[in-house]
N, C-alpha and C. Protein backbone atom coordinates (compact mmCIF):
# COMPACT_ATOMS: atom_id res chain seq x y z
N MET A 1 -76.12 3.34 -127.92
CA MET A 1 -74.68 3.29 -127.75
C MET A 1 -74.17 4.72 -127.64
N SER A 2 -73.30 4.95 -126.68
CA SER A 2 -72.76 6.29 -126.50
C SER A 2 -71.81 6.61 -127.65
N LYS A 3 -71.55 7.87 -127.82
CA LYS A 3 -70.67 8.28 -128.90
C LYS A 3 -69.23 7.96 -128.55
N LEU A 4 -68.62 7.21 -129.40
CA LEU A 4 -67.21 6.88 -129.24
C LEU A 4 -66.44 7.52 -130.38
N SER A 5 -65.22 7.90 -130.12
CA SER A 5 -64.39 8.46 -131.18
C SER A 5 -63.93 7.32 -132.11
N TYR A 6 -63.42 7.70 -133.24
CA TYR A 6 -62.93 6.73 -134.22
C TYR A 6 -61.84 5.86 -133.59
N GLU A 7 -60.94 6.48 -132.84
CA GLU A 7 -59.85 5.74 -132.21
C GLU A 7 -60.37 4.78 -131.14
N ASP A 8 -61.38 5.22 -130.38
CA ASP A 8 -61.97 4.34 -129.36
C ASP A 8 -62.59 3.11 -130.00
N LYS A 9 -63.26 3.30 -131.13
CA LYS A 9 -63.89 2.16 -131.80
C LYS A 9 -62.85 1.17 -132.31
N ILE A 10 -61.76 1.70 -132.85
CA ILE A 10 -60.69 0.82 -133.33
C ILE A 10 -60.04 0.08 -132.15
N ASN A 11 -59.77 0.80 -131.07
CA ASN A 11 -59.19 0.17 -129.88
C ASN A 11 -60.12 -0.91 -129.32
N LEU A 12 -61.39 -0.62 -129.27
CA LEU A 12 -62.37 -1.58 -128.77
C LEU A 12 -62.35 -2.84 -129.63
N TYR A 13 -62.34 -2.67 -130.94
CA TYR A 13 -62.32 -3.81 -131.86
C TYR A 13 -61.05 -4.64 -131.68
N ASN A 14 -59.91 -3.95 -131.60
CA ASN A 14 -58.63 -4.67 -131.45
C ASN A 14 -58.56 -5.41 -130.12
N GLU A 15 -59.06 -4.79 -129.05
CA GLU A 15 -59.06 -5.47 -127.75
C GLU A 15 -59.97 -6.69 -127.77
N ARG A 16 -61.08 -6.60 -128.46
CA ARG A 16 -62.00 -7.73 -128.56
C ARG A 16 -61.35 -8.87 -129.33
N LYS A 17 -60.64 -8.55 -130.40
CA LYS A 17 -59.98 -9.58 -131.20
C LYS A 17 -58.79 -10.19 -130.45
N ASN A 18 -58.24 -9.46 -129.48
CA ASN A 18 -57.14 -9.98 -128.67
C ASN A 18 -57.63 -10.83 -127.50
N GLY A 19 -58.95 -11.00 -127.39
CA GLY A 19 -59.48 -11.90 -126.39
C GLY A 19 -60.14 -11.26 -125.19
N CYS A 20 -60.26 -9.97 -125.17
CA CYS A 20 -60.91 -9.29 -124.05
C CYS A 20 -62.41 -9.57 -124.12
N SER A 21 -63.04 -9.79 -122.97
CA SER A 21 -64.46 -10.14 -122.96
C SER A 21 -65.32 -8.91 -123.25
N MET A 22 -66.53 -9.20 -123.72
CA MET A 22 -67.45 -8.11 -124.05
C MET A 22 -67.90 -7.36 -122.81
N GLY A 23 -68.02 -8.05 -121.70
CA GLY A 23 -68.43 -7.41 -120.46
C GLY A 23 -67.42 -6.37 -119.98
N THR A 24 -66.14 -6.72 -120.04
CA THR A 24 -65.12 -5.78 -119.61
C THR A 24 -65.02 -4.59 -120.57
N LEU A 25 -65.15 -4.87 -121.87
CA LEU A 25 -65.14 -3.78 -122.86
C LEU A 25 -66.35 -2.87 -122.66
N SER A 26 -67.47 -3.47 -122.33
CA SER A 26 -68.68 -2.71 -122.10
C SER A 26 -68.50 -1.73 -120.93
N LYS A 27 -67.90 -2.21 -119.87
CA LYS A 27 -67.66 -1.35 -118.71
C LYS A 27 -66.59 -0.31 -118.99
N LYS A 28 -65.56 -0.70 -119.71
CA LYS A 28 -64.45 0.21 -119.98
C LYS A 28 -64.90 1.39 -120.85
N TYR A 29 -65.67 1.10 -121.91
CA TYR A 29 -66.09 2.14 -122.84
C TYR A 29 -67.48 2.70 -122.52
N ASN A 30 -68.10 2.19 -121.46
CA ASN A 30 -69.39 2.67 -120.99
C ASN A 30 -70.48 2.56 -122.06
N ILE A 31 -70.55 1.40 -122.70
CA ILE A 31 -71.61 1.12 -123.66
C ILE A 31 -72.17 -0.27 -123.35
N ALA A 32 -73.32 -0.57 -123.92
CA ALA A 32 -73.97 -1.85 -123.67
C ALA A 32 -73.20 -2.98 -124.36
N VAL A 33 -73.34 -4.18 -123.82
CA VAL A 33 -72.69 -5.36 -124.40
C VAL A 33 -73.18 -5.56 -125.84
N HIS A 34 -74.46 -5.31 -126.04
CA HIS A 34 -75.05 -5.42 -127.37
C HIS A 34 -74.34 -4.48 -128.35
N GLY A 35 -74.01 -3.27 -127.89
CA GLY A 35 -73.31 -2.30 -128.73
C GLY A 35 -71.91 -2.76 -129.10
N VAL A 36 -71.22 -3.38 -128.15
CA VAL A 36 -69.88 -3.90 -128.43
C VAL A 36 -69.95 -5.00 -129.48
N GLU A 37 -70.90 -5.90 -129.28
CA GLU A 37 -71.05 -7.01 -130.22
C GLU A 37 -71.42 -6.52 -131.62
N TYR A 38 -72.33 -5.56 -131.68
CA TYR A 38 -72.75 -5.02 -132.98
C TYR A 38 -71.59 -4.32 -133.68
N LEU A 39 -70.84 -3.51 -132.92
CA LEU A 39 -69.72 -2.79 -133.51
C LEU A 39 -68.67 -3.75 -134.07
N CYS A 40 -68.38 -4.81 -133.34
CA CYS A 40 -67.40 -5.80 -133.83
C CYS A 40 -67.89 -6.49 -135.10
N CYS A 41 -69.16 -6.87 -135.13
CA CYS A 41 -69.72 -7.51 -136.33
C CYS A 41 -69.73 -6.54 -137.51
N LEU A 42 -70.03 -5.27 -137.24
CA LEU A 42 -70.06 -4.26 -138.30
C LEU A 42 -68.69 -4.08 -138.93
N ILE A 43 -67.66 -4.01 -138.09
CA ILE A 43 -66.29 -3.85 -138.61
C ILE A 43 -65.85 -5.12 -139.34
N ASP A 44 -66.22 -6.30 -138.83
CA ASP A 44 -65.89 -7.55 -139.52
C ASP A 44 -66.48 -7.56 -140.93
N LYS A 45 -67.70 -7.09 -141.06
CA LYS A 45 -68.39 -7.15 -142.35
C LYS A 45 -67.93 -6.07 -143.33
N HIS A 46 -67.79 -4.82 -142.83
CA HIS A 46 -67.52 -3.69 -143.73
C HIS A 46 -66.13 -3.10 -143.61
N GLY A 47 -65.37 -3.48 -142.62
CA GLY A 47 -64.03 -2.93 -142.45
C GLY A 47 -64.07 -1.61 -141.68
N PHE A 48 -62.89 -1.04 -141.45
CA PHE A 48 -62.79 0.19 -140.67
C PHE A 48 -63.32 1.41 -141.42
N ASP A 49 -63.48 1.33 -142.74
CA ASP A 49 -63.98 2.47 -143.51
C ASP A 49 -65.40 2.85 -143.13
N ILE A 50 -66.19 1.90 -142.62
CA ILE A 50 -67.57 2.18 -142.24
C ILE A 50 -67.62 3.15 -141.06
N LEU A 51 -66.52 3.24 -140.30
CA LEU A 51 -66.49 4.11 -139.13
C LEU A 51 -66.16 5.55 -139.47
N ARG A 52 -65.59 5.78 -140.63
CA ARG A 52 -65.18 7.13 -141.01
C ARG A 52 -66.38 7.92 -141.54
N THR A 53 -66.91 8.77 -140.68
CA THR A 53 -67.99 9.66 -141.10
C THR A 53 -67.71 11.05 -140.56
N THR A 54 -67.89 12.03 -141.40
CA THR A 54 -67.67 13.41 -140.98
C THR A 54 -68.98 14.14 -140.75
N LYS A 55 -70.09 13.58 -141.21
CA LYS A 55 -71.39 14.23 -141.04
C LYS A 55 -72.46 13.17 -140.84
N ASN A 56 -73.66 13.59 -140.54
CA ASN A 56 -74.76 12.66 -140.37
C ASN A 56 -75.10 12.01 -141.70
N ARG A 57 -75.44 10.76 -141.63
CA ARG A 57 -75.78 10.03 -142.85
C ARG A 57 -77.22 10.27 -143.24
N TYR A 58 -77.48 10.30 -144.53
CA TYR A 58 -78.83 10.45 -145.05
C TYR A 58 -79.19 9.16 -145.77
N TYR A 59 -80.33 8.61 -145.44
CA TYR A 59 -80.80 7.39 -146.08
C TYR A 59 -82.06 7.72 -146.88
N PRO A 60 -82.03 7.54 -148.20
CA PRO A 60 -83.20 7.85 -149.02
C PRO A 60 -84.37 6.93 -148.70
N VAL A 61 -85.54 7.32 -149.14
CA VAL A 61 -86.77 6.59 -148.84
C VAL A 61 -86.70 5.16 -149.36
N TYR A 62 -86.14 4.96 -150.55
CA TYR A 62 -86.11 3.62 -151.12
C TYR A 62 -85.22 2.67 -150.32
N VAL A 63 -84.16 3.20 -149.69
CA VAL A 63 -83.29 2.37 -148.85
C VAL A 63 -84.05 1.96 -147.59
N LYS A 64 -84.76 2.93 -146.98
CA LYS A 64 -85.55 2.63 -145.79
C LYS A 64 -86.64 1.61 -146.11
N GLN A 65 -87.34 1.83 -147.24
CA GLN A 65 -88.43 0.93 -147.63
C GLN A 65 -87.89 -0.48 -147.87
N ASN A 66 -86.75 -0.59 -148.52
CA ASN A 66 -86.15 -1.89 -148.79
C ASN A 66 -85.79 -2.60 -147.49
N ALA A 67 -85.19 -1.86 -146.56
CA ALA A 67 -84.80 -2.47 -145.28
C ALA A 67 -86.02 -2.91 -144.48
N ILE A 68 -87.05 -2.08 -144.45
CA ILE A 68 -88.27 -2.41 -143.71
C ILE A 68 -88.95 -3.63 -144.34
N ASP A 69 -88.99 -3.67 -145.67
CA ASP A 69 -89.60 -4.82 -146.36
C ASP A 69 -88.84 -6.11 -146.06
N ARG A 70 -87.52 -6.02 -146.00
CA ARG A 70 -86.73 -7.22 -145.69
C ARG A 70 -87.06 -7.76 -144.30
N VAL A 71 -87.33 -6.86 -143.37
CA VAL A 71 -87.64 -7.30 -142.01
C VAL A 71 -89.07 -7.80 -141.92
N LEU A 72 -90.03 -7.03 -142.44
CA LEU A 72 -91.44 -7.35 -142.25
C LEU A 72 -91.95 -8.42 -143.22
N ILE A 73 -91.50 -8.38 -144.46
CA ILE A 73 -92.02 -9.32 -145.47
C ILE A 73 -91.15 -10.57 -145.57
N ASN A 74 -89.84 -10.39 -145.64
CA ASN A 74 -88.94 -11.54 -145.80
C ASN A 74 -88.57 -12.18 -144.48
N ASN A 75 -89.02 -11.62 -143.37
CA ASN A 75 -88.77 -12.15 -142.03
C ASN A 75 -87.28 -12.29 -141.70
N GLU A 76 -86.48 -11.36 -142.20
CA GLU A 76 -85.07 -11.33 -141.81
C GLU A 76 -84.97 -10.60 -140.47
N SER A 77 -83.91 -10.86 -139.74
CA SER A 77 -83.77 -10.21 -138.44
C SER A 77 -83.31 -8.76 -138.62
N VAL A 78 -83.69 -7.94 -137.67
CA VAL A 78 -83.30 -6.53 -137.70
C VAL A 78 -81.79 -6.42 -137.61
N TRP A 79 -81.19 -7.26 -136.81
CA TRP A 79 -79.74 -7.27 -136.64
C TRP A 79 -79.02 -7.50 -137.97
N SER A 80 -79.44 -8.55 -138.71
CA SER A 80 -78.75 -8.89 -139.96
C SER A 80 -78.97 -7.83 -141.03
N VAL A 81 -80.17 -7.28 -141.10
CA VAL A 81 -80.44 -6.24 -142.10
C VAL A 81 -79.64 -4.99 -141.78
N SER A 82 -79.57 -4.61 -140.50
CA SER A 82 -78.80 -3.43 -140.10
C SER A 82 -77.32 -3.61 -140.42
N LEU A 83 -76.80 -4.80 -140.15
CA LEU A 83 -75.39 -5.07 -140.48
C LEU A 83 -75.17 -5.04 -141.98
N ASP A 84 -76.09 -5.61 -142.73
CA ASP A 84 -75.96 -5.68 -144.18
C ASP A 84 -75.94 -4.28 -144.81
N ILE A 85 -76.82 -3.41 -144.32
CA ILE A 85 -76.89 -2.04 -144.85
C ILE A 85 -75.72 -1.22 -144.37
N GLY A 86 -75.24 -1.50 -143.16
CA GLY A 86 -74.13 -0.74 -142.60
C GLY A 86 -74.59 0.38 -141.68
N LEU A 87 -75.74 0.19 -141.02
CA LEU A 87 -76.21 1.19 -140.06
C LEU A 87 -75.31 1.16 -138.84
N HIS A 88 -75.17 2.29 -138.17
CA HIS A 88 -74.30 2.36 -137.00
C HIS A 88 -74.88 1.68 -135.77
N GLY A 89 -76.17 1.35 -135.82
CA GLY A 89 -76.81 0.62 -134.74
C GLY A 89 -78.13 0.06 -135.24
N ASP A 90 -78.57 -1.05 -134.66
CA ASP A 90 -79.82 -1.62 -135.12
C ASP A 90 -81.03 -0.87 -134.56
N GLY A 91 -80.80 0.02 -133.62
CA GLY A 91 -81.89 0.84 -133.08
C GLY A 91 -82.48 1.76 -134.13
N LEU A 92 -81.67 2.17 -135.09
CA LEU A 92 -82.15 3.04 -136.16
C LEU A 92 -83.20 2.32 -136.99
N LEU A 93 -82.96 1.08 -137.31
CA LEU A 93 -83.93 0.31 -138.09
C LEU A 93 -85.19 0.03 -137.27
N HIS A 94 -85.03 -0.19 -135.97
CA HIS A 94 -86.20 -0.36 -135.11
C HIS A 94 -87.08 0.89 -135.15
N SER A 95 -86.47 2.06 -135.09
CA SER A 95 -87.25 3.30 -135.12
C SER A 95 -87.90 3.51 -136.49
N TRP A 96 -87.22 3.14 -137.57
CA TRP A 96 -87.83 3.23 -138.90
C TRP A 96 -89.09 2.37 -138.97
N ILE A 97 -89.00 1.16 -138.42
CA ILE A 97 -90.14 0.24 -138.47
C ILE A 97 -91.30 0.76 -137.64
N SER A 98 -91.01 1.28 -136.45
CA SER A 98 -92.10 1.78 -135.61
C SER A 98 -92.76 3.01 -136.23
N LYS A 99 -91.98 3.91 -136.83
CA LYS A 99 -92.56 5.07 -137.51
C LYS A 99 -93.34 4.65 -138.74
N TYR A 100 -92.87 3.61 -139.40
CA TYR A 100 -93.55 3.08 -140.57
C TYR A 100 -94.94 2.57 -140.19
N LYS A 101 -95.02 1.86 -139.09
CA LYS A 101 -96.31 1.33 -138.62
C LYS A 101 -97.21 2.45 -138.12
N GLU A 102 -96.65 3.45 -137.44
CA GLU A 102 -97.44 4.57 -136.93
C GLU A 102 -98.07 5.38 -138.06
N ASN A 103 -97.36 5.51 -139.17
CA ASN A 103 -97.83 6.34 -140.28
C ASN A 103 -98.64 5.56 -141.30
N GLY A 104 -99.25 4.48 -140.88
CA GLY A 104 -100.12 3.73 -141.79
C GLY A 104 -99.36 3.00 -142.87
N TYR A 105 -98.23 2.43 -142.52
CA TYR A 105 -97.40 1.66 -143.45
C TYR A 105 -96.94 2.51 -144.64
N ASN A 106 -96.49 3.70 -144.33
CA ASN A 106 -95.90 4.59 -145.31
C ASN A 106 -94.59 5.11 -144.74
N VAL A 107 -93.57 5.16 -145.57
CA VAL A 107 -92.31 5.74 -145.15
C VAL A 107 -92.44 7.24 -145.32
N VAL A 108 -92.31 7.97 -144.22
CA VAL A 108 -92.45 9.41 -144.25
C VAL A 108 -91.07 10.02 -144.11
N GLU A 109 -90.74 10.90 -145.02
CA GLU A 109 -89.44 11.57 -145.01
C GLU A 109 -89.50 12.70 -144.00
N ARG A 110 -88.58 12.71 -143.08
CA ARG A 110 -88.53 13.79 -142.09
C ARG A 110 -87.94 15.03 -142.74
N LYS A 111 -88.62 16.16 -142.55
CA LYS A 111 -88.13 17.39 -143.14
C LYS A 111 -86.93 17.88 -142.34
N LEU A 112 -85.92 18.31 -143.06
CA LEU A 112 -84.70 18.78 -142.41
C LEU A 112 -84.80 20.27 -142.16
N GLY A 113 -84.11 20.74 -141.18
CA GLY A 113 -84.07 22.16 -140.88
C GLY A 113 -85.11 22.57 -139.87
N ARG A 114 -85.08 23.81 -139.56
CA ARG A 114 -85.96 24.37 -138.55
C ARG A 114 -87.26 24.81 -139.20
N SER A 115 -88.37 24.55 -138.52
CA SER A 115 -89.65 24.95 -139.08
C SER A 115 -89.83 26.46 -138.90
N PRO A 116 -90.44 27.10 -139.87
CA PRO A 116 -90.60 28.55 -139.77
C PRO A 116 -91.62 28.90 -138.69
N THR A 117 -91.37 29.99 -137.98
CA THR A 117 -92.29 30.41 -136.93
C THR A 117 -93.46 31.20 -137.50
N MET A 118 -93.26 31.86 -138.61
CA MET A 118 -94.32 32.62 -139.24
C MET A 118 -94.29 32.31 -140.74
N SER A 119 -95.45 31.95 -141.26
CA SER A 119 -95.47 31.63 -142.69
C SER A 119 -95.37 32.90 -143.51
N LYS A 120 -94.91 32.77 -144.71
CA LYS A 120 -94.72 33.93 -145.58
C LYS A 120 -96.05 34.53 -146.02
N LYS A 121 -97.10 33.71 -146.07
CA LYS A 121 -98.41 34.21 -146.51
C LYS A 121 -99.01 35.15 -145.48
N ASP A 122 -98.76 34.89 -144.19
CA ASP A 122 -99.35 35.70 -143.14
C ASP A 122 -98.64 37.04 -142.97
N PHE A 123 -97.46 37.15 -143.49
CA PHE A 123 -96.69 38.36 -143.29
C PHE A 123 -97.21 39.47 -144.19
N LYS A 124 -97.62 40.57 -143.55
CA LYS A 124 -98.05 41.75 -144.30
C LYS A 124 -97.19 42.91 -143.84
N PRO A 125 -96.47 43.50 -144.75
CA PRO A 125 -95.63 44.61 -144.32
C PRO A 125 -96.50 45.79 -143.88
N LYS A 126 -96.09 46.42 -142.78
CA LYS A 126 -96.85 47.56 -142.28
C LYS A 126 -96.56 48.77 -143.15
N THR A 127 -97.63 49.46 -143.48
CA THR A 127 -97.48 50.68 -144.26
C THR A 127 -97.63 51.85 -143.31
N LYS A 128 -96.92 52.90 -143.60
CA LYS A 128 -97.01 54.10 -142.78
C LYS A 128 -98.32 54.79 -143.10
N GLU A 129 -99.10 55.06 -142.04
CA GLU A 129 -100.36 55.76 -142.24
C GLU A 129 -100.19 57.21 -141.81
N THR A 130 -100.92 58.04 -142.48
CA THR A 130 -100.84 59.46 -142.15
C THR A 130 -101.58 59.72 -140.85
N ILE A 131 -101.42 60.91 -140.34
CA ILE A 131 -102.05 61.27 -139.07
C ILE A 131 -103.57 61.23 -139.21
N GLU A 132 -104.09 61.68 -140.34
CA GLU A 132 -105.54 61.68 -140.55
C GLU A 132 -106.08 60.25 -140.60
N GLU A 133 -105.35 59.36 -141.28
CA GLU A 133 -105.77 57.96 -141.37
C GLU A 133 -105.74 57.30 -139.99
N GLU A 134 -104.70 57.61 -139.23
CA GLU A 134 -104.58 57.04 -137.89
C GLU A 134 -105.71 57.55 -136.99
N ASN A 135 -106.01 58.85 -137.09
CA ASN A 135 -107.12 59.41 -136.29
C ASN A 135 -108.44 58.75 -136.65
N GLU A 136 -108.67 58.57 -137.94
CA GLU A 136 -109.92 57.92 -138.39
C GLU A 136 -110.01 56.48 -137.89
N ARG A 137 -108.90 55.76 -137.97
CA ARG A 137 -108.88 54.37 -137.50
C ARG A 137 -109.13 54.33 -136.00
N LEU A 138 -108.49 55.21 -135.24
CA LEU A 138 -108.68 55.23 -133.79
C LEU A 138 -110.10 55.66 -133.42
N ARG A 139 -110.69 56.57 -134.18
CA ARG A 139 -112.07 56.99 -133.94
C ARG A 139 -113.03 55.82 -134.12
N LYS A 140 -112.83 55.05 -135.20
CA LYS A 140 -113.69 53.88 -135.46
C LYS A 140 -113.51 52.84 -134.36
N GLU A 141 -112.27 52.62 -133.97
CA GLU A 141 -111.99 51.64 -132.92
C GLU A 141 -112.63 52.07 -131.60
N ASN A 142 -112.58 53.39 -131.31
CA ASN A 142 -113.19 53.92 -130.10
C ASN A 142 -114.70 53.73 -130.11
N LEU A 143 -115.35 53.99 -131.24
CA LEU A 143 -116.79 53.78 -131.36
C LEU A 143 -117.15 52.31 -131.16
N TYR A 144 -116.36 51.45 -131.73
CA TYR A 144 -116.61 50.01 -131.58
C TYR A 144 -116.51 49.59 -130.12
N LEU A 145 -115.47 50.07 -129.43
CA LEU A 145 -115.28 49.71 -128.03
C LEU A 145 -116.39 50.27 -127.14
N LYS A 146 -116.87 51.48 -127.45
CA LYS A 146 -117.99 52.06 -126.69
C LYS A 146 -119.25 51.22 -126.87
N ALA A 147 -119.51 50.81 -128.12
CA ALA A 147 -120.69 49.99 -128.38
C ALA A 147 -120.58 48.64 -127.68
N GLU A 148 -119.39 48.07 -127.67
CA GLU A 148 -119.18 46.80 -127.00
C GLU A 148 -119.40 46.94 -125.49
N LEU A 149 -118.95 48.04 -124.91
CA LEU A 149 -119.14 48.29 -123.49
C LEU A 149 -120.62 48.46 -123.14
N GLU A 150 -121.35 49.20 -123.97
CA GLU A 150 -122.79 49.38 -123.75
C GLU A 150 -123.52 48.04 -123.83
N TYR A 151 -123.14 47.22 -124.79
CA TYR A 151 -123.77 45.92 -124.95
C TYR A 151 -123.53 45.05 -123.72
N SER A 152 -122.28 45.04 -123.22
CA SER A 152 -121.99 44.21 -122.05
C SER A 152 -122.72 44.71 -120.82
N LYS A 153 -122.89 46.05 -120.68
CA LYS A 153 -123.65 46.60 -119.56
C LYS A 153 -125.11 46.15 -119.62
N LYS A 154 -125.72 46.23 -120.80
CA LYS A 154 -127.12 45.84 -120.96
C LYS A 154 -127.28 44.33 -120.72
N LEU A 155 -126.36 43.55 -121.19
CA LEU A 155 -126.41 42.11 -120.99
C LEU A 155 -126.31 41.78 -119.50
N ARG A 156 -125.40 42.45 -118.81
CA ARG A 156 -125.24 42.24 -117.39
C ARG A 156 -126.52 42.62 -116.64
N ALA A 157 -127.19 43.71 -117.06
CA ALA A 157 -128.43 44.14 -116.42
C ALA A 157 -129.54 43.12 -116.63
N VAL A 158 -129.62 42.55 -117.84
CA VAL A 158 -130.64 41.54 -118.14
C VAL A 158 -130.41 40.29 -117.30
N VAL A 159 -129.17 39.86 -117.18
CA VAL A 159 -128.85 38.68 -116.39
C VAL A 159 -129.19 38.93 -114.92
N GLN A 160 -128.86 40.12 -114.42
CA GLN A 160 -129.16 40.46 -113.02
C GLN A 160 -130.67 40.51 -112.79
N ALA A 161 -131.43 41.03 -113.75
CA ALA A 161 -132.88 41.08 -113.62
C ALA A 161 -133.47 39.68 -113.57
N ARG A 162 -132.98 38.78 -114.36
CA ARG A 162 -133.47 37.39 -114.35
C ARG A 162 -133.17 36.72 -113.01
N LYS A 163 -131.96 36.96 -112.48
CA LYS A 163 -131.61 36.39 -111.17
C LYS A 163 -132.56 36.91 -110.10
N ASN A 164 -132.86 38.21 -110.14
CA ASN A 164 -133.76 38.81 -109.16
C ASN A 164 -135.16 38.20 -109.27
N GLN A 165 -135.65 37.97 -110.50
CA GLN A 165 -136.97 37.37 -110.69
C GLN A 165 -137.00 35.96 -110.14
N GLN A 166 -135.94 35.19 -110.35
CA GLN A 166 -135.89 33.81 -109.85
C GLN A 166 -135.87 33.80 -108.34
N GLN A 167 -135.18 34.75 -107.71
CA GLN A 167 -135.13 34.80 -106.26
C GLN A 167 -136.49 35.20 -105.68
N LYS A 168 -137.25 36.06 -106.35
CA LYS A 168 -138.56 36.48 -105.88
C LYS A 168 -139.55 35.32 -105.95
N LYS A 169 -139.43 34.46 -107.00
CA LYS A 169 -140.34 33.34 -107.18
C LYS A 169 -140.18 32.32 -106.05
N LYS A 170 -139.01 32.20 -105.51
CA LYS A 170 -138.73 31.20 -104.48
C LYS A 170 -139.29 31.68 -103.22
């Protein structure tokens, strides 16, 4: 369901109660017929106060587990459980159930916030090294790179010699 303002939801509900069809309301507010029907049932059950939200709702694990158990164990419909809890759409409960099944029948709490790009354990503050320390480090690094270069040259020569021997045998 697309995002509707509080006033749009109230107008939609009032027009529906005045006899306007769900199809025309669906086209007028650019939402699915299912969304119109759900919104009207939600307001009938909980009143207009259910529409007043200033921030995203948080549902604790026990509420999610209870709702999922009602659907899977008690065989209640997703629609009725969503209306009973007061969810803004039954799609939310559908996604809870699918994630529940994906995670091996465990309700997993989604972590809020942005994940860190670098962990605190990996962070090592750089210390200022003196010129002598830097020269020594660069000298060691240079020796290592020279040895690596010599090794790759010898390896390349051995591989080339083997190729030449194989070509001579043929």
